[in-house]
């Protein structure tokens, strides 16, 4: 079940806004989950939650690991 182009563009916009919200303050799923449920009204809610989780995982994948990257601050040594 592939939606029309206009629905895909709106889902892409919702995913972009959700990603920005996740990057700034967290909670982007509050934007993406309702958009998915509106775009696919017949889909089970578990599918929308799984799709949101997959988007969140891919959004966090490029971030640096907390154990690698910048050296520890001096406060950690005191």
PDB file of N, CA and C in Angstrom:
ATOM      1  N   UNK A   1       0.838  -1.171   0.000  1.00  0.00           N
ATOM      2  CA  UNK A   1       0.000   0.000   0.000  1.00  0.00           C
ATOM      3  C   UNK A   1       0.888   1.240   0.000  1.00  0.00           C
ATOM      4  N   UNK A   2       1.050   1.833  -1.151  1.00  0.00           N
ATOM      5  CA  UNK A   2       1.868   3.036  -1.303  1.00  0.00           C
ATOM      6  C   UNK A   2       0.925   4.230  -1.436  1.00  0.00           C
ATOM      7  N   UNK A   3       1.081   5.242  -0.578  1.00  0.00           N
ATOM      8  CA  UNK A   3       0.194   6.411  -0.657  1.00  0.00           C
ATOM      9  C   UNK A   3       0.539   7.303  -1.847  1.00  0.00           C
ATOM     10  N   UNK A   4      -0.325   8.253  -2.084  1.00  0.00           N
ATOM     11  CA  UNK A   4      -0.103   9.216  -3.165  1.00  0.00           C
ATOM     12  C   UNK A   4       1.099  10.093  -2.857  1.00  0.00           C
ATOM     13  N   UNK A   5       1.556  10.819  -3.881  1.00  0.00           N
ATOM     14  CA  UNK A   5       2.740  11.667  -3.730  1.00  0.00           C
ATOM     15  C   UNK A   5       2.535  12.770  -2.713  1.00  0.00           C
ATOM     16  N   UNK A   6       1.331  13.338  -2.680  1.00  0.00           N
ATOM     17  CA  UNK A   6       1.100  14.431  -1.728  1.00  0.00           C
ATOM     18  C   UNK A   6       1.191  13.935  -0.285  1.00  0.00           C
ATOM     19  N   UNK A   7       0.721  12.715  -0.035  1.00  0.00           N
ATOM     20  CA  UNK A   7       0.824  12.142   1.312  1.00  0.00           C
ATOM     21  C   UNK A   7       2.287  11.845   1.641  1.00  0.00           C
ATOM     22  N   UNK A   8       3.040  11.348   0.660  1.00  0.00           N
ATOM     23  CA  UNK A   8       4.459  11.085   0.894  1.00  0.00           C
ATOM     24  C   UNK A   8       5.231  12.358   1.200  1.00  0.00           C
ATOM     25  N   UNK A   9       4.911  13.439   0.511  1.00  0.00           N
ATOM     26  CA  UNK A   9       5.581  14.721   0.767  1.00  0.00           C
ATOM     27  C   UNK A   9       5.243  15.218   2.169  1.00  0.00           C
ATOM     28  N   UNK A  10       3.981  15.076   2.579  1.00  0.00           N
ATOM     29  CA  UNK A  10       3.601  15.501   3.922  1.00  0.00           C
ATOM     30  C   UNK A  10       4.263  14.629   4.996  1.00  0.00           C
ATOM     31  N   UNK A  11       4.388  13.329   4.743  1.00  0.00           N
ATOM     32  CA  UNK A  11       5.078  12.451   5.691  1.00  0.00           C
ATOM     33  C   UNK A  11       6.564  12.799   5.774  1.00  0.00           C
ATOM     34  N   UNK A  12       7.161  13.131   4.637  1.00  0.00           N
ATOM     35  CA  UNK A  12       8.561  13.539   4.640  1.00  0.00           C
ATOM     36  C   UNK A  12       8.746  14.838   5.420  1.00  0.00           C
ATOM     37  N   UNK A  13       7.826  15.770   5.254  1.00  0.00           N
ATOM     38  CA  UNK A  13       7.894  17.020   6.011  1.00  0.00           C
ATOM     39  C   UNK A  13       7.711  16.755   7.502  1.00  0.00           C
ATOM     40  N   UNK A  14       6.775  15.884   7.847  1.00  0.00           N
ATOM     41  CA  UNK A  14       6.553  15.549   9.260  1.00  0.00           C
ATOM     42  C   UNK A  14       7.781  14.858   9.844  1.00  0.00           C
ATOM     43  N   UNK A  15       8.425  14.003   9.065  1.00  0.00           N
ATOM     44  CA  UNK A  15       9.636  13.330   9.538  1.00  0.00           C
ATOM     45  C   UNK A  15      10.768  14.326   9.738  1.00  0.00           C
ATOM     46  N   UNK A  16      10.876  15.311   8.856  1.00  0.00           N
ATOM     47  CA  UNK A  16      11.901  16.344   9.017  1.00  0.00           C
ATOM     48  C   UNK A  16      11.670  17.195  10.252  1.00  0.00           C
ATOM     49  N   UNK A  17      10.427  17.577  10.478  1.00  0.00           N
ATOM     50  CA  UNK A  17      10.099  18.354  11.676  1.00  0.00           C
ATOM     51  C   UNK A  17      10.340  17.519  12.927  1.00  0.00           C
ATOM     52  N   UNK A  18       9.937  16.243  12.889  1.00  0.00           N
ATOM     53  CA  UNK A  18      10.153  15.358  14.043  1.00  0.00           C
ATOM     54  C   UNK A  18      11.647  15.175  14.319  1.00  0.00           C
ATOM     55  N   UNK A  19      12.440  15.044  13.277  1.00  0.00           N
ATOM     56  CA  UNK A  19      13.884  14.919  13.456  1.00  0.00           C
ATOM     57  C   UNK A  19      14.496  16.162  14.058  1.00  0.00           C
ATOM     58  N   UNK A  20      14.028  17.320  13.623  1.00  0.00           N
ATOM     59  CA  UNK A  20      14.532  18.568  14.186  1.00  0.00           C
ATOM     60  C   UNK A  20      14.155  18.689  15.661  1.00  0.00           C
ATOM     61  N   UNK A  21      12.906  18.356  15.978  1.00  0.00           N
ATOM     62  CA  UNK A  21      12.467  18.410  17.375  1.00  0.00           C
ATOM     63  C   UNK A  21      13.274  17.435  18.221  1.00  0.00           C
ATOM     64  N   UNK A  22      13.527  16.230  17.697  1.00  0.00           N
ATOM     65  CA  UNK A  22      14.351  15.258  18.429  1.00  0.00           C
ATOM     66  C   UNK A  22      15.753  15.799  18.681  1.00  0.00           C
ATOM     67  N   UNK A  23      16.310  16.475  17.689  1.00  0.00           N
ATOM     68  CA  UNK A  23      17.674  16.984  17.831  1.00  0.00           C
ATOM     69  C   UNK A  23      17.743  18.136  18.823  1.00  0.00           C
ATOM     70  N   UNK A  24      16.717  18.941  18.889  1.00  0.00           N
ATOM     71  CA  UNK A  24      16.760  20.128  19.737  1.00  0.00           C
ATOM     72  C   UNK A  24      16.331  19.818  21.171  1.00  0.00           C
ATOM     73  N   UNK A  25      15.159  19.206  21.335  1.00  0.00           N
ATOM     74  CA  UNK A  25      14.647  18.990  22.692  1.00  0.00           C
ATOM     75  C   UNK A  25      14.159  17.572  22.942  1.00  0.00           C
ATOM     76  N   UNK A  26      14.044  16.748  21.903  1.00  0.00           N
ATOM     77  CA  UNK A  26      13.521  15.399  22.079  1.00  0.00           C
ATOM     78  C   UNK A  26      12.003  15.387  21.969  1.00  0.00           C
ATOM     79  N   UNK A  27      11.449  14.223  21.710  1.00  0.00           N
ATOM     80  CA  UNK A  27       9.998  14.092  21.617  1.00  0.00           C
ATOM     81  C   UNK A  27       9.454  14.257  20.221  1.00  0.00           C
ATOM     82  N   UNK A  28      10.250  13.995  19.207  1.00  0.00           N
ATOM     83  CA  UNK A  28       9.780  14.114  17.834  1.00  0.00           C
ATOM     84  C   UNK A  28       8.708  13.111  17.472  1.00  0.00           C
ATOM     85  N   UNK A  29       8.625  12.032  18.226  1.00  0.00           N
ATOM     86  CA  UNK A  29       7.572  11.047  17.989  1.00  0.00           C
ATOM     87  C   UNK A  29       6.178  11.610  18.194  1.00  0.00           C
ATOM     88  N   UNK A  30       6.085  12.689  18.984  1.00  0.00           N
ATOM     89  CA  UNK A  30       4.789  13.334  19.170  1.00  0.00           C
ATOM     90  C   UNK A  30       4.292  13.990  17.892  1.00  0.00           C
ATOM     91  N   UNK A  31       5.168  14.192  16.941  1.00  0.00           N
ATOM     92  CA  UNK A  31       4.787  14.731  15.633  1.00  0.00           C
ATOM     93  C   UNK A  31       4.618  13.593  14.628  1.00  0.00           C
ATOM     94  N   UNK A  32       5.561  12.652  14.631  1.00  0.00           N
ATOM     95  CA  UNK A  32       5.583  11.626  13.590  1.00  0.00           C
ATOM     96  C   UNK A  32       4.496  10.566  13.766  1.00  0.00           C
ATOM     97  N   UNK A  33       4.234  10.131  14.987  1.00  0.00           N
ATOM     98  CA  UNK A  33       3.233   9.071  15.185  1.00  0.00           C
ATOM     99  C   UNK A  33       1.842   9.511  14.731  1.00  0.00           C
ATOM    100  N   UNK A  34       1.343  10.698  15.126  1.00  0.00           N
ATOM    101  CA  UNK A  34       0.032  11.099  14.596  1.00  0.00           C
ATOM    102  C   UNK A  34       0.018  11.248  13.073  1.00  0.00           C
ATOM    103  N   UNK A  35       1.132  11.723  12.499  1.00  0.00           N
ATOM    104  CA  UNK A  35       1.185  11.853  11.038  1.00  0.00           C
ATOM    105  C   UNK A  35       1.078  10.486  10.367  1.00  0.00           C
ATOM    106  N   UNK A  36       1.750   9.487  10.935  1.00  0.00           N
ATOM    107  CA  UNK A  36       1.658   8.135  10.380  1.00  0.00           C
ATOM    108  C   UNK A  36       0.257   7.559  10.530  1.00  0.00           C
ATOM    109  N   UNK A  37      -0.362   7.792  11.688  1.00  0.00           N
ATOM    110  CA  UNK A  37      -1.718   7.270  11.908  1.00  0.00           C
ATOM    111  C   UNK A  37      -2.749   7.957  11.009  1.00  0.00           C
ATOM    112  N   UNK A  38      -2.528   9.229  10.701  1.00  0.00           N
ATOM    113  CA  UNK A  38      -3.435   9.936   9.792  1.00  0.00           C
ATOM    114  C   UNK A  38      -3.213   9.476   8.353  1.00  0.00           C
ATOM    115  N   UNK A  39      -1.964   9.271   7.959  1.00  0.00           N
ATOM    116  CA  UNK A  39      -1.648   8.875   6.588  1.00  0.00           C
ATOM    117  C   UNK A  39      -2.099   7.445   6.292  1.00  0.00           C
ATOM    118  N   UNK A  40      -2.029   6.582   7.298  1.00  0.00           N
ATOM    119  CA  UNK A  40      -2.415   5.173   7.133  1.00  0.00           C
ATOM    120  C   UNK A  40      -3.470   4.816   8.168  1.00  0.00           C
ATOM    121  N   UNK A  41      -4.729   5.207   7.939  1.00  0.00           N
ATOM    122  CA  UNK A  41      -5.758   4.990   8.964  1.00  0.00           C
ATOM    123  C   UNK A  41      -6.079   3.517   9.223  1.00  0.00           C
ATOM    124  N   UNK A  42      -5.836   2.640   8.280  1.00  0.00           N
ATOM    125  CA  UNK A  42      -6.153   1.233   8.468  1.00  0.00           C
ATOM    126  C   UNK A  42      -5.017   0.420   9.070  1.00  0.00           C
ATOM    127  N   UNK A  43      -3.864   1.036   9.228  1.00  0.00           N
ATOM    128  CA  UNK A  43      -2.699   0.313   9.749  1.00  0.00           C
ATOM    129  C   UNK A  43      -2.814   0.161  11.266  1.00  0.00           C
ATOM    130  N   UNK A  44      -2.300  -0.938  11.804  1.00  0.00           N
ATOM    131  CA  UNK A  44      -2.329  -1.097  13.262  1.00  0.00           C
ATOM    132  C   UNK A  44      -1.391  -0.086  13.936  1.00  0.00           C
ATOM    133  N   UNK A  45      -1.759   0.374  15.115  1.00  0.00           N
ATOM    134  CA  UNK A  45      -0.903   1.351  15.810  1.00  0.00           C
ATOM    135  C   UNK A  45       0.504   0.827  16.082  1.00  0.00           C
ATOM    136  N   UNK A  46       0.661  -0.475  16.240  1.00  0.00           N
ATOM    137  CA  UNK A  46       1.994  -1.031  16.472  1.00  0.00           C
ATOM    138  C   UNK A  46       2.908  -0.780  15.274  1.00  0.00           C
ATOM    139  N   UNK A  47       2.358  -0.754  14.078  1.00  0.00           N
ATOM    140  CA  UNK A  47       3.167  -0.457  12.892  1.00  0.00           C
ATOM    141  C   UNK A  47       3.653   0.986  12.914  1.00  0.00           C
ATOM    142  N   UNK A  48       2.801   1.906  13.341  1.00  0.00           N
ATOM    143  CA  UNK A  48       3.213   3.310  13.439  1.00  0.00           C
ATOM    144  C   UNK A  48       4.288   3.468  14.516  1.00  0.00           C
ATOM    145  N   UNK A  49       4.135   2.776  15.639  1.00  0.00           N
ATOM    146  CA  UNK A  49       5.142   2.861  16.697  1.00  0.00           C
ATOM    147  C   UNK A  49       6.472   2.264  16.251  1.00  0.00           C
ATOM    148  N   UNK A  50       6.411   1.143  15.522  1.00  0.00           N
ATOM    149  CA  UNK A  50       7.641   0.534  15.012  1.00  0.00           C
ATOM    150  C   UNK A  50       8.331   1.399  13.981  1.00  0.00           C
ATOM    151  N   UNK A  51       7.549   2.026  13.107  1.00  0.00           N
ATOM    152  CA  UNK A  51       8.119   2.924  12.107  1.00  0.00           C
ATOM    153  C   UNK A  51       8.761   4.132  12.778  1.00  0.00           C
ATOM    154  N   UNK A  52       8.116   4.656  13.811  1.00  0.00           N
ATOM    155  CA  UNK A  52       8.691   5.776  14.555  1.00  0.00           C
ATOM    156  C   UNK A  52       9.991   5.361  15.235  1.00  0.00           C
ATOM    157  N   UNK A  53      10.028   4.176  15.809  1.00  0.00           N
ATOM    158  CA  UNK A  53      11.250   3.707  16.480  1.00  0.00           C
ATOM    159  C   UNK A  53      12.376   3.538  15.461  1.00  0.00           C
ATOM    160  N   UNK A  54      12.056   3.005  14.286  1.00  0.00           N
ATOM    161  CA  UNK A  54      13.063   2.849  13.240  1.00  0.00           C
ATOM    162  C   UNK A  54      13.611   4.211  12.807  1.00  0.00           C
ATOM    163  N   UNK A  55      12.737   5.199  12.678  1.00  0.00           N
ATOM    164  CA  UNK A  55      13.184   6.550  12.314  1.00  0.00           C
ATOM    165  C   UNK A  55      14.075   7.132  13.410  1.00  0.00           C
ATOM    166  N   UNK A  56      13.735   6.873  14.665  1.00  0.00           N
ATOM    167  CA  UNK A  56      14.549   7.378  15.767  1.00  0.00           C
ATOM    168  C   UNK A  56      15.924   6.714  15.795  1.00  0.00           C
ATOM    169  N   UNK A  57      15.971   5.429  15.504  1.00  0.00           N
ATOM    170  CA  UNK A  57      17.256   4.720  15.472  1.00  0.00           C
ATOM    171  C   UNK A  57      18.138   5.280  14.369  1.00  0.00           C
ATOM    172  N   UNK A  58      17.581   5.469  13.180  1.00  0.00           N
ATOM    173  CA  UNK A  58      18.370   6.016  12.076  1.00  0.00           C
ATOM    174  C   UNK A  58      18.768   7.453  12.351  1.00  0.00           C
ATOM    175  N   UNK A  59      17.959   8.178  13.105  1.00  0.00           N
ATOM    176  CA  UNK A  59      18.316   9.549  13.447  1.00  0.00           C
ATOM    177  C   UNK A  59      19.454   9.622  14.446  1.00  0.00           C
ATOM    178  N   UNK A  60      19.588   8.613  15.296  1.00  0.00           N
ATOM    179  CA  UNK A  60      20.652   8.597  16.298  1.00  0.00           C
ATOM    180  C   UNK A  60      21.921   7.911  15.801  1.00  0.00           C
ATOM    181  N   UNK A  61      21.862   7.204  14.710  1.00  0.00           N
ATOM    182  CA  UNK A  61      23.003   6.425  14.219  1.00  0.00           C
ATOM    183  C   UNK A  61      24.245   7.276  13.942  1.00  0.00           C
ATOM    184  N   UNK A  62      24.149   8.443  13.326  1.00  0.00           N
ATOM    185  CA  UNK A  62      25.382   9.184  13.013  1.00  0.00           C
ATOM    186  C   UNK A  62      25.981   9.959  14.180  1.00  0.00           C
ATOM    187  N   UNK A  63      25.335   9.980  15.333  1.00  0.00           N
ATOM    188  CA  UNK A  63      25.883  10.759  16.450  1.00  0.00           C
ATOM    189  C   UNK A  63      27.152  10.116  16.978  1.00  0.00           C
ATOM    190  N   UNK A  64      28.042  10.903  17.540  1.00  0.00           N
ATOM    191  CA  UNK A  64      29.279  10.335  18.079  1.00  0.00           C
ATOM    192  C   UNK A  64      29.001   9.493  19.322  1.00  0.00           C
ATOM    193  N   UNK A  65      29.802   8.502  19.516  1.00  0.00           N
ATOM    194  CA  UNK A  65      29.683   7.650  20.693  1.00  0.00           C
ATOM    195  C   UNK A  65      30.141   8.425  21.923  1.00  0.00           C
ATOM    196  N   UNK A  66      29.505   8.217  23.069  1.00  0.00           N
ATOM    197  CA  UNK A  66      29.943   8.960  24.250  1.00  0.00           C
ATOM    198  C   UNK A  66      31.321   8.524  24.747  1.00  0.00           C
ATOM    199  N   UNK A  67      31.797   7.364  24.336  1.00  0.00           N
ATOM    200  CA  UNK A  67      33.104   6.903  24.786  1.00  0.00           C
ATOM    201  C   UNK A  67      34.219   7.264  23.820  1.00  0.00           C
ATOM    202  N   UNK A  68      33.868   7.797  22.651  1.00  0.00           N
ATOM    203  CA  UNK A  68      34.873   8.183  21.661  1.00  0.00           C
ATOM    204  C   UNK A  68      34.646   9.619  21.264  1.00  0.00           C
ATOM    205  N   UNK A  69      35.609  10.201  20.653  1.00  0.00           N
ATOM    206  CA  UNK A  69      35.449  11.585  20.204  1.00  0.00           C
ATOM    207  C   UNK A  69      36.268  12.529  21.033  1.00  0.00           C
ATOM    208  N   UNK A  70      35.611  13.479  21.658  1.00  0.00           N
ATOM    209  CA  UNK A  70      36.347  14.486  22.423  1.00  0.00           C
ATOM    210  C   UNK A  70      36.908  13.897  23.717  1.00  0.00           C
ATOM    211  N   UNK A  71      38.040  14.405  24.159  1.00  0.00           N
ATOM    212  CA  UNK A  71      38.626  13.896  25.407  1.00  0.00           C
ATOM    213  C   UNK A  71      37.766  14.301  26.594  1.00  0.00           C
ATOM    214  N   UNK A  72      37.878  13.602  27.721  1.00  0.00           N
ATOM    215  CA  UNK A  72      37.071  13.941  28.893  1.00  0.00           C
ATOM    216  C   UNK A  72      37.462  15.306  29.433  1.00  0.00           C
ATOM    217  N   UNK A  73      36.502  15.940  30.067  1.00  0.00           N
ATOM    218  CA  UNK A  73      36.782  17.259  30.631  1.00  0.00           C
ATOM    219  C   UNK A  73      37.636  17.121  31.891  1.00  0.00           C
ATOM    220  N   UNK A  74      38.229  18.220  32.294  1.00  0.00           N
ATOM    221  CA  UNK A  74      39.070  18.195  33.495  1.00  0.00           C
ATOM    222  C   UNK A  74      38.251  17.905  34.746  1.00  0.00           C
ATOM    223  N   UNK A  75      36.967  18.230  34.699  1.00  0.00           N
ATOM    224  CA  UNK A  75      36.122  17.978  35.869  1.00  0.00           C
ATOM    225  C   UNK A  75      36.026  16.489  36.167  1.00  0.00           C
ATOM    226  N   UNK A  76      36.193  15.654  35.161  1.00  0.00           N
ATOM    227  CA  UNK A  76      36.110  14.206  35.370  1.00  0.00           C
ATOM    228  C   UNK A  76      37.310  13.681  36.141  1.00  0.00           C
ATOM    229  N   UNK A  77      38.401  14.438  36.180  1.00  0.00           N
ATOM    230  CA  UNK A  77      39.620  13.981  36.851  1.00  0.00           C
ATOM    231  C   UNK A  77      39.649  14.373  38.328  1.00  0.00           C
ATOM    232  N   UNK A  78      38.769  15.230  38.768  1.00  0.00           N
ATOM    233  CA  UNK A  78      38.781  15.702  40.162  1.00  0.00           C
ATOM    234  C   UNK A  78      37.837  14.922  41.012  1.00  0.00           C
TER     235      UNK A  78
END
